[in-house]
Amino acid sequence: QVQLVESGGGLVQAGGSLRLSCAVSGLIFSKCREGWFRQAPGKEREFVAAISRDGTSTKYADSVKGRFTFSRDNAKNTVYLQMNSLEPEDTALYYCAADLSWIESSVGTAVAEYNYWGQGTQVTVSS
C-alpha cells in the first residue's frame, strides 16, 4: 500500500520559515520523482516544486523561486520542502506527490503527472 505522509505545516508570521516533510512508503523511493503542490480555498491546486528521482534536477514555481528549496533523502524515503521568507500568499494546504519515473533527471510540474498523493498539511502565514 502506497502512503505519502506530510508533516511540518503550521502557523507562522510573514517572513518566517517552515520545513515540510513527506515520508513515502510502498514505492521504490529511489525510482520516484516527487512534487509539492498547494491549494488555497476557492483556488485550483497549483504546482510549487519538483525534484527528480536522483535529486539532480529541481524546478520551482516562479512565486516561490529563491525562497523554497526542495531536497530528498533516499536513505530515509523522505523529501523536504524548506520554505523561507514566507508570505501570506503562501497560505494553503500543501500536498506531496510521487510517481515512478524511468528518467533519472526528469521532473514533473503538472498534477496529472503524479499518481500518488498525500493527505496534505496546512500552512498558514499571518501578516
Foldseek 3Di string as FASTA:
>chain_A
DWAWAKDWADEEAAQAKIKMKIAIPPDLQLQKKKFKWWDAPPGDIFGAKIAFSQRPDMDGDPVQPPFWDWGDDSVRNMIMIIGGRDDQVPWTWMKMFMDGDPDRGDIDGDPVVTDDIHPTDTHGYHD
